Protein backbone atom coordinates (compact mmCIF):
# COMPACT_ATOMS: atom_id res chain seq x y z
CA MET A 1 68.85 92.48 118.17
CA CYS A 2 72.42 94.93 119.51
CA MET A 3 74.41 91.98 121.00
CA ALA A 4 73.97 90.06 117.35
CA GLY A 5 74.77 93.58 114.86
CA TYR A 6 77.83 93.69 117.64
CA ILE A 7 79.26 90.27 117.12
CA VAL A 8 78.67 91.17 113.05
CA TYR A 9 80.02 94.28 113.09
CA PHE A 10 83.33 92.54 115.48
CA MET A 11 83.54 90.11 112.74
CA VAL A 12 83.48 91.96 109.59
CA ASN A 13 84.91 95.27 111.59
CA ASP A 14 87.84 94.37 113.77
CA SER A 15 91.26 95.14 112.67
CA SER A 16 93.40 91.28 112.20
CA GLU A 17 96.85 92.99 113.30
CA VAL A 18 95.30 94.68 116.40
CA ILE A 19 94.28 91.04 117.25
CA ASN A 20 97.31 88.67 115.94
CA ASN A 21 98.25 88.37 119.50
CA PRO A 22 98.52 84.63 121.13
CA TYR A 23 97.15 85.80 124.02
CA ASN A 24 94.48 87.16 122.86
CA LYS A 25 90.80 86.04 124.60
CA ARG A 26 89.57 87.55 121.44
CA ARG A 27 90.65 84.14 119.38
CA ASN A 28 88.21 82.13 121.57
CA ILE A 29 85.71 84.33 121.19
CA LEU A 30 85.63 84.47 117.57
CA ALA A 31 86.41 80.75 117.16
CA GLU A 32 82.98 80.22 119.18
CA ARG A 33 81.90 82.14 116.36
CA ILE A 34 83.49 81.64 113.13
CA VAL A 35 84.51 77.79 111.73
CA ARG A 36 88.52 78.56 110.72
CA GLY A 37 89.09 79.46 106.78
CA SER A 38 91.17 77.05 104.95
CA ILE A 39 95.13 77.19 103.44
CA TYR A 40 95.32 76.43 99.66
CA SER A 41 98.53 75.85 97.06
CA SER A 42 98.23 79.39 94.09
CA ASP A 43 97.18 76.45 91.70
CA GLY A 44 93.97 75.96 94.41
CA LYS A 45 95.10 72.41 96.00
CA VAL A 46 93.63 72.31 100.11
CA LEU A 47 96.65 72.33 102.03
CA ALA A 48 94.27 72.67 105.07
CA LYS A 49 90.78 72.99 106.09
CA THR A 50 87.85 72.45 108.78
CA VAL A 51 85.80 69.29 108.96
CA THR A 52 83.22 69.17 110.96
CA GLU A 53 81.83 65.85 112.76
CA GLY A 54 79.33 64.74 113.04
CA ASP A 55 79.04 65.56 116.83
CA GLY A 56 79.46 69.41 116.26
CA THR A 57 83.51 68.91 117.12
CA GLU A 58 85.82 70.67 114.82
CA LYS A 59 88.85 69.04 113.10
CA ARG A 60 91.62 70.77 111.58
CA VAL A 61 92.70 68.61 108.51
CA TYR A 62 96.14 68.33 106.43
CA PRO A 63 95.30 66.87 103.27
CA PHE A 64 99.75 66.96 102.47
CA ASN A 65 100.67 64.91 105.74
CA ASP A 66 103.41 66.45 106.09
CA ILE A 67 104.38 67.34 102.74
CA PHE A 68 104.15 71.42 103.68
CA CYS A 69 103.85 71.04 107.75
CA HIS A 70 106.78 73.74 108.46
CA VAL A 71 105.86 75.87 106.21
CA THR A 72 101.69 75.57 106.01
CA GLY A 73 102.51 74.93 110.15
CA ARG A 74 100.07 73.35 112.61
CA MET A 75 97.09 74.54 114.93
CA ALA A 76 97.66 71.47 117.63
CA ASN A 77 100.66 72.15 120.31
CA SER A 78 101.44 75.65 119.20
CA MET A 79 100.31 77.47 116.23
CA THR A 80 102.98 77.01 113.33
CA GLY A 81 104.03 78.82 109.94
CA VAL A 82 100.21 80.50 107.89
CA GLU A 83 98.50 78.32 110.56
CA LEU A 84 99.99 80.79 112.71
CA SER A 85 100.73 84.32 110.61
CA GLN A 86 96.97 84.21 109.42
CA CYS A 87 95.47 82.98 112.53
CA TYR A 88 92.59 85.86 112.49
CA PRO A 89 92.08 86.11 109.14
CA LEU A 90 90.79 82.84 109.30
CA LEU A 91 89.12 83.03 111.75
CA THR A 92 87.34 86.58 110.68
CA SER A 93 84.22 86.40 108.13
CA HIS A 94 83.92 88.54 105.16
CA SER A 95 81.21 87.63 103.81
CA ASN A 96 77.49 89.00 102.85
CA PRO A 97 76.96 90.59 106.81
CA LEU A 98 73.02 90.41 105.91
CA LYS A 99 73.64 86.33 106.03
CA GLN A 100 75.91 87.02 108.79
CA LEU A 101 72.85 88.10 110.61
CA VAL A 102 70.83 85.70 109.96
CA THR A 103 73.70 82.93 110.65
CA THR A 104 74.17 84.20 113.77
CA PHE A 105 70.15 84.19 114.94
CA ARG A 106 70.29 80.94 113.95
CA GLY A 107 72.50 79.54 116.53
CA GLU A 108 75.35 78.89 113.18
CA LYS A 109 78.87 79.60 112.74
CA ASN A 110 80.17 81.13 109.74
CA LEU A 111 82.76 80.44 107.62
CA GLY A 112 86.16 81.80 108.19
CA ASP A 113 88.10 83.50 104.24
CA ASP A 114 90.36 81.43 102.94
CA VAL A 115 94.25 81.93 102.81
CA TYR A 116 95.86 81.28 99.45
CA THR A 117 99.39 80.93 99.61
CA THR A 118 102.34 81.74 96.87
CA LEU A 119 103.12 77.80 97.46
CA ASP A 120 103.11 75.75 94.09
CA SER A 121 102.14 72.42 94.57
CA GLY A 122 103.39 70.49 92.15
CA LEU A 123 106.62 71.88 93.14
CA GLN A 124 106.52 71.15 96.58
CA GLN A 125 105.77 67.81 95.89
CA THR A 126 108.81 67.31 93.46
CA THR A 127 111.01 69.02 95.44
CA TYR A 128 109.68 67.03 98.70
CA ASN A 129 110.50 63.55 96.81
CA ALA A 130 114.08 65.39 94.70
CA LEU A 131 114.85 65.19 99.04
CA GLY A 132 114.50 61.52 99.10
CA ASN A 133 115.94 60.44 102.69
CA TYR A 134 118.17 62.79 102.99
CA LYS A 135 117.53 65.73 106.47
CA GLY A 136 117.74 68.94 104.77
CA ALA A 137 115.67 71.41 103.37
CA ALA A 138 115.17 73.42 99.78
CA VAL A 139 113.65 77.47 98.91
CA ALA A 140 111.84 78.24 95.60
CA ILE A 141 111.87 81.71 95.41
CA GLU A 142 110.61 83.40 92.13
CA PRO A 143 113.05 86.45 91.56
CA SER A 144 111.12 89.36 90.66
CA THR A 145 108.31 89.08 93.50
CA GLY A 146 109.27 87.20 96.11
CA LYS A 147 107.06 84.61 96.03
CA ILE A 148 107.75 81.99 97.65
CA LEU A 149 107.25 79.14 95.44
CA ALA A 150 108.26 75.92 97.11
CA MET A 151 109.77 75.48 100.62
CA VAL A 152 110.66 71.86 101.77
CA SER A 153 112.08 71.17 105.54
CA LYS A 154 113.65 67.12 106.07
CA PRO A 155 112.72 65.59 108.51
CA GLY A 156 109.04 66.43 108.62
CA TYR A 157 105.94 65.51 110.91
CA ASN A 158 101.94 64.89 110.32
CA PRO A 159 100.16 67.61 111.16
CA ASN A 160 97.43 65.10 111.73
CA THR A 161 98.41 63.37 114.29
CA VAL A 162 100.99 65.94 115.85
CA GLU A 163 98.84 65.92 119.17
CA GLU A 164 99.60 61.78 119.59
CA ASP A 165 102.80 61.87 118.46
CA TRP A 166 104.14 65.18 120.59
CA ASP A 167 106.03 62.93 122.75
CA ASN A 168 108.58 60.84 120.43
CA LEU A 169 108.99 64.37 118.10
CA VAL A 170 110.29 66.13 121.37
CA GLU A 171 112.39 63.03 122.11
CA ASP A 172 113.85 63.17 118.98
CA GLU A 173 114.74 66.83 118.69
CA GLY A 174 117.95 66.36 119.55
CA SER A 175 119.19 63.97 116.80
CA GLN A 176 116.38 64.57 114.70
CA SER A 177 114.47 68.04 115.11
CA SER A 178 111.24 67.00 112.63
CA LEU A 179 109.42 70.51 114.35
CA VAL A 180 111.65 72.75 113.24
CA ASN A 181 111.52 74.25 109.54
CA ARG A 182 115.33 73.64 108.35
CA ALA A 183 114.31 76.46 105.47
CA THR A 184 114.03 78.97 107.54
CA GLN A 185 115.20 78.34 110.94
CA GLY A 186 118.42 75.94 110.14
CA LEU A 187 121.57 77.29 109.89
CA TYR A 188 125.19 76.35 107.99
CA PRO A 189 128.01 76.71 106.94
CA PRO A 190 127.81 78.31 103.06
CA GLY A 191 130.84 76.62 102.07
CA SER A 192 131.43 76.67 98.33
CA THR A 193 128.11 79.30 97.81
CA PHE A 194 129.17 81.63 99.50
CA LYS A 195 132.14 82.17 96.76
CA VAL A 196 129.20 84.64 95.12
CA LEU A 197 129.70 87.09 97.59
CA THR A 198 133.24 86.91 97.87
CA ALA A 199 133.60 87.27 93.75
CA ILE A 200 130.97 89.93 93.98
CA GLU A 201 132.89 92.06 96.92
CA TYR A 202 136.47 91.98 94.80
CA ILE A 203 134.43 93.37 91.66
CA LEU A 204 133.74 95.66 93.57
CA GLU A 205 136.87 96.34 94.71
CA ASN A 206 139.11 96.24 91.50
CA ARG A 207 135.76 97.60 89.29
CA SER A 208 138.41 98.18 86.01
CA SER A 209 141.06 95.17 86.84
CA PHE A 210 138.73 92.47 88.11
CA ARG A 211 139.30 91.07 84.12
CA LYS A 212 143.04 90.87 84.87
CA TYR A 213 142.60 88.57 87.78
CA SER A 214 144.60 85.66 87.29
CA TYR A 215 145.88 82.68 89.35
CA LYS A 216 148.38 79.86 89.10
CA CYS A 217 146.25 76.57 91.38
CA LYS A 218 148.40 74.07 92.60
CA GLY A 219 146.05 72.72 94.44
CA SER A 220 146.67 73.96 97.50
CA GLU A 221 148.45 76.76 98.98
CA SER A 222 150.09 78.32 102.27
CA PHE A 223 149.17 82.42 103.77
CA GLU A 224 151.17 82.94 106.54
CA GLY A 225 151.39 78.88 107.51
CA ASN A 226 147.69 78.76 107.12
CA VAL A 227 146.86 75.86 104.39
CA ILE A 228 144.26 75.74 102.28
CA ASN A 229 143.86 73.03 99.91
CA CYS A 230 141.30 72.69 97.01
CA TYR A 231 138.82 69.31 96.75
CA GLY A 232 140.77 66.29 96.67
CA ASN A 233 143.53 68.90 96.24
CA GLU A 234 142.96 68.79 92.68
CA GLU A 235 145.12 71.34 90.68
CA HIS A 236 143.34 74.09 88.83
CA GLY A 237 146.11 75.58 86.78
CA GLY A 238 145.20 79.49 85.06
CA LEU A 239 142.52 80.92 85.95
CA ASP A 240 141.12 84.49 86.01
CA LEU A 241 137.80 85.16 88.07
CA ASN A 242 135.46 83.43 86.16
CA HIS A 243 137.20 80.29 86.28
CA SER A 244 138.02 80.59 89.58
CA LEU A 245 134.47 80.42 90.50
CA ALA A 246 133.31 77.86 87.64
CA LYS A 247 136.14 75.25 89.25
CA SER A 248 135.44 76.80 92.67
CA CYS A 249 138.97 76.76 93.99
CA ASN A 250 139.38 76.92 97.06
CA ALA A 251 143.17 78.70 96.87
CA SER A 252 142.22 81.08 94.46
CA PHE A 253 139.40 82.38 96.36
CA ALA A 254 142.09 82.45 99.37
CA ASN A 255 144.46 84.08 97.96
CA ILE A 256 141.16 86.89 96.52
CA GLY A 257 140.38 86.84 99.97
CA MET A 258 143.90 88.24 101.29
CA SER A 259 143.25 91.23 99.18
CA LEU A 260 140.16 91.81 100.19
CA ASP A 261 138.81 95.19 102.10
CA ILE A 262 137.26 93.40 105.22
CA LYS A 263 135.11 95.91 105.96
CA SER A 264 134.33 97.19 102.71
CA PHE A 265 132.84 92.81 103.10
CA ARG A 266 131.39 93.23 106.31
CA ARG A 267 129.43 95.99 104.31
CA LEU A 268 128.56 94.37 101.93
CA CYS A 269 127.43 91.22 103.66
CA ASN A 270 125.39 93.34 105.86
CA LYS A 271 123.66 94.40 102.75
CA PHE A 272 122.98 90.77 101.51
CA MET A 273 121.03 90.80 105.49
CA PHE A 274 123.86 89.32 107.15
CA ASN A 275 123.57 89.94 111.26
CA GLN A 276 119.82 91.87 109.73
CA LYS A 277 116.06 91.29 110.81
CA LEU A 278 114.72 89.88 107.60
CA PRO A 279 111.43 91.83 106.65
CA VAL A 280 109.59 88.14 106.79
CA LYS A 281 106.33 86.66 108.64
CA PHE A 282 107.53 83.97 109.07
CA GLU A 283 110.15 82.82 112.07
CA TYR A 284 113.80 82.00 110.39
CA ASN A 285 117.09 82.48 112.53
CA ARG A 286 119.31 85.50 111.49
CA SER A 287 122.58 84.33 109.18
CA LYS A 288 125.29 85.16 110.23
CA PHE A 289 129.09 87.44 109.04
CA LEU A 290 131.60 87.51 111.70
CA LEU A 291 134.77 88.54 109.98
CA ASP A 292 136.29 92.17 111.00
CA LYS A 293 139.31 93.69 111.29
CA LYS A 294 140.45 91.75 114.42
CA SER A 295 140.01 88.69 111.94
CA GLY A 296 143.09 86.28 111.93
CA THR A 297 144.64 85.52 108.38
CA ASP A 298 142.96 81.86 109.07
CA GLU A 299 140.03 82.75 109.53
CA ILE A 300 140.22 85.17 106.31
CA ILE A 301 140.33 82.62 104.28
CA GLN A 302 138.43 80.22 106.24
CA THR A 303 135.39 82.41 105.87
CA VAL A 304 136.48 83.02 101.33
CA ILE A 305 135.45 80.21 100.66
CA GLY A 306 132.43 79.33 103.02
CA GLN A 307 133.80 77.94 105.89
CA GLY A 308 134.73 79.45 109.17
CA LYS A 309 132.01 81.14 111.57
CA THR A 310 130.17 81.99 108.63
CA THR A 311 126.24 80.45 109.25
CA ILE A 312 123.67 81.02 106.42
CA THR A 313 119.97 79.55 106.48
CA PRO A 314 118.51 78.42 103.06
CA LEU A 315 116.07 81.11 102.65
CA GLN A 316 119.43 83.76 102.77
CA ASN A 317 120.67 81.92 99.86
CA ALA A 318 117.36 81.64 98.33
CA MET A 319 117.49 85.52 98.78
CA ILE A 320 121.52 85.42 97.23
CA ALA A 321 120.47 83.62 94.16
CA ALA A 322 117.02 85.67 93.67
CA THR A 323 119.03 89.12 94.15
CA ILE A 324 121.19 88.94 91.56
CA ALA A 325 119.29 86.64 89.04
CA ASN A 326 117.04 90.10 89.73
CA GLY A 327 119.45 92.62 88.40
CA GLY A 328 120.64 93.22 92.09
CA GLU A 329 117.64 94.32 93.07
CA MET A 330 116.15 91.91 96.43
CA MET A 331 112.56 91.34 96.52
CA VAL A 332 110.81 90.16 100.24
CA PRO A 333 110.45 86.94 100.65
CA TYR A 334 106.50 86.81 101.16
CA VAL A 335 104.44 83.07 101.12
CA VAL A 336 100.73 84.72 101.25
CA ASP A 337 99.51 85.74 97.90
CA HIS A 338 96.22 86.99 99.11
CA ILE A 339 92.72 86.05 101.33
CA GLN A 340 89.32 85.57 99.68
CA ASN A 341 85.42 85.15 101.59
CA GLU A 342 83.82 82.47 101.46
CA ALA A 343 81.97 83.30 97.91
CA GLY A 344 85.63 84.03 95.93
CA GLN A 345 85.89 87.75 97.12
CA ALA A 346 89.22 89.37 97.44
CA VAL A 347 89.73 90.83 100.89
CA LYS A 348 93.43 91.63 100.89
CA THR A 349 96.03 91.22 98.34
CA TYR A 350 100.10 90.93 99.12
CA GLU A 351 101.96 93.37 96.66
CA PRO A 352 105.92 92.39 95.91
CA ALA A 353 107.91 94.54 97.67
CA SER A 354 111.29 95.80 97.30
CA ASN A 355 114.17 95.11 100.38
CA GLY A 356 116.52 97.08 97.72
CA LYS A 357 118.93 97.98 95.59
CA ILE A 358 121.91 96.09 96.62
CA ILE A 359 124.78 95.61 94.65
CA ASP A 360 123.56 97.38 91.14
CA LYS A 361 122.83 96.23 87.59
CA ASP A 362 126.24 95.16 85.54
CA VAL A 363 127.78 94.08 88.49
CA ALA A 364 124.75 91.67 89.03
CA ASP A 365 125.17 91.17 85.12
CA ILE A 366 128.84 89.75 85.61
CA MET A 367 128.05 87.23 89.12
CA ASN A 368 124.95 86.16 86.40
CA LYS A 369 127.76 84.97 83.31
CA PHE A 370 129.76 83.79 86.09
CA MET A 371 127.18 81.34 87.66
CA MET A 372 126.92 80.42 83.85
CA SER A 373 129.50 79.28 83.79
CA VAL A 374 129.63 76.74 86.68
CA VAL A 375 127.09 75.49 84.53
CA GLU A 376 128.40 75.17 81.61
CA ASP A 377 132.35 74.64 82.55
CA GLY A 378 132.24 73.79 86.02
CA THR A 379 130.96 72.01 89.05
CA ALA A 380 127.24 72.32 88.28
CA SER A 381 127.73 70.12 84.06
CA SER A 382 124.54 68.08 84.89
CA LEU A 383 122.92 70.87 84.19
CA SER A 384 123.89 72.41 81.16
CA SER A 385 121.14 69.54 79.02
CA PHE A 386 117.89 71.95 79.33
CA SER A 387 116.46 74.18 76.47
CA TYR A 388 117.65 76.93 78.57
CA LYS A 389 120.27 78.08 80.63
CA VAL A 390 120.82 77.63 83.76
CA ALA A 391 123.39 80.08 86.59
CA GLY A 392 124.06 78.51 89.62
CA LYS A 393 127.05 77.77 92.14
CA THR A 394 127.38 74.41 93.93
CA GLY A 395 128.70 74.18 97.94
CA SER A 396 130.21 71.07 100.12
CA ALA A 397 130.72 72.75 103.43
CA GLU A 398 132.73 71.29 106.19
CA PHE A 399 131.03 70.64 109.56
CA ASP A 400 133.35 68.22 111.27
CA SER A 401 136.32 66.72 111.94
CA GLU A 402 136.53 64.37 109.66
CA GLY A 403 135.50 66.12 106.93
CA THR A 404 131.91 65.24 106.32
CA SER A 405 130.25 68.20 103.77
CA HIS A 406 126.62 68.88 103.72
CA ALA A 407 125.78 69.59 100.30
CA TRP A 408 124.14 72.75 98.50
CA PHE A 409 123.00 74.37 95.45
CA ILE A 410 121.94 77.53 94.76
CA GLY A 411 121.18 79.41 91.24
CA TYR A 412 118.10 80.29 88.86
CA ALA A 413 117.01 79.54 85.70
CA PRO A 414 115.83 80.39 82.30
CA ALA A 415 119.68 82.59 83.42
CA LYS A 416 118.52 85.19 81.09
CA LYS A 417 115.00 86.13 82.71
CA PRO A 418 114.70 84.37 85.76
CA ARG A 419 111.53 82.73 86.77
CA ILE A 420 112.18 80.44 89.45
CA ALA A 421 115.63 81.30 92.41
CA VAL A 422 116.71 78.13 94.26
CA SER A 423 118.95 76.83 96.94
CA ILE A 424 119.02 73.26 98.85
CA ILE A 425 121.25 71.91 101.02
CA LEU A 426 121.27 67.91 101.81
CA GLU A 427 123.44 67.21 105.19
CA GLY A 428 126.10 65.43 105.24
CA ALA A 429 125.68 64.00 102.17
CA GLY A 430 128.75 65.16 100.88
CA THR A 431 129.32 67.37 97.23
CA GLY A 432 126.70 69.96 95.81
CA SER A 433 127.54 68.84 92.15
CA GLN A 434 126.49 64.81 93.12
CA TYR A 435 123.80 65.25 95.47
CA ALA A 436 122.00 69.20 95.20
CA VAL A 437 122.50 70.04 91.86
CA PRO A 438 120.41 66.44 91.13
CA VAL A 439 117.86 67.99 93.37
CA ALA A 440 117.69 71.27 91.52
CA LYS A 441 117.40 69.45 88.29
CA GLU A 442 114.21 67.74 89.49
CA MET A 443 112.92 71.10 90.89
CA PHE A 444 113.94 72.94 87.24
CA ARG A 445 112.38 70.46 85.34
CA LYS A 446 108.95 70.89 87.20
CA TYR A 447 108.68 74.56 86.82
CA LEU A 448 109.89 74.90 83.85
CA GLY A 449 110.51 72.10 81.83
CA SER A 450 112.73 70.56 79.95
């Protein structure tokens, strides 16, 4: 009797924060007495569940196969994703204590709590389809809260068969990296999406005069013997700061970069969480901004246009877009909304958390207008057909000596009252306007309509 009572107390009251350690033997103790709970999307679709076979063995099942594989994670061959971060809530039961006691006396398992994510299953499916056969990733965030609405990485793997497929997955890891969540762990040159931060720094350093900025683009420019070319050597002609961004003029931004205070620029990028530990509950790699006072002209002009040594994850690029969309306040991205017991009663709810005011609202408003110009009169014009306004920035990030480019897009909509911010990369696809923008278009259409 005392032992049964202790078991119930253990399951109901022991803190998941204390026991959430992959080497803690309590996991095995709980798994012997609890049927692992299910993981759901925000709209109630089952993303992971435990099925008990006729012989009593339990099997973890993922109904969407590879569509949610990286964000939901897996149980087999080392836990990842939500399966890892919510391991003990899923193996803890907050159902009626008396019912638990009776079930235990019968020698049966109690049902673990269920985890409800912030993920929109329809948006996730649309994003997965829109990425097609390209390697790459896409992230969607609700700017006002930090809720992750979708997170897709390709190629993926089927968590239902990961044990059988493991040797092939590991052998292909060098070329395919199917096990890596590119959305949070992939590090890429940001290309012209980084011009958003370059423009912000220029505005901050020239608050009273940035609207007077002018530059005449001839398709290329030399800076102390270092040549910067615009895409296709296109001559953009006379440009102000707004249209420098809208036309994504490399020469103009290199010119801007030569005037910047590098120490100040580094502080800004650090505020946007480059080189920093992110306050998130899932696996990620830190984005890197390496420009400093020792950097030479070539490194400066390459960095300010999104080339050089700077690397960024799709998640972090989504955070940048979401921060601008949210008036300069960065919200902490999160993927778990709440936990509830088998009776549908809330056990724990996760609330939005701010990561601070990164830029003033007036600067964010200026950037909002500039990024709207990218859509209205620039490189993302194919997004101008919606009934609402879209703001964004394209990017084509060269990553090899052949000039092969990753296709980028970051942006949000509706521009005047944003509900979704996105970050998309397609590896080696080409220009952002031609390949990443169509993915964004499908995502916006699915989430907001036409």
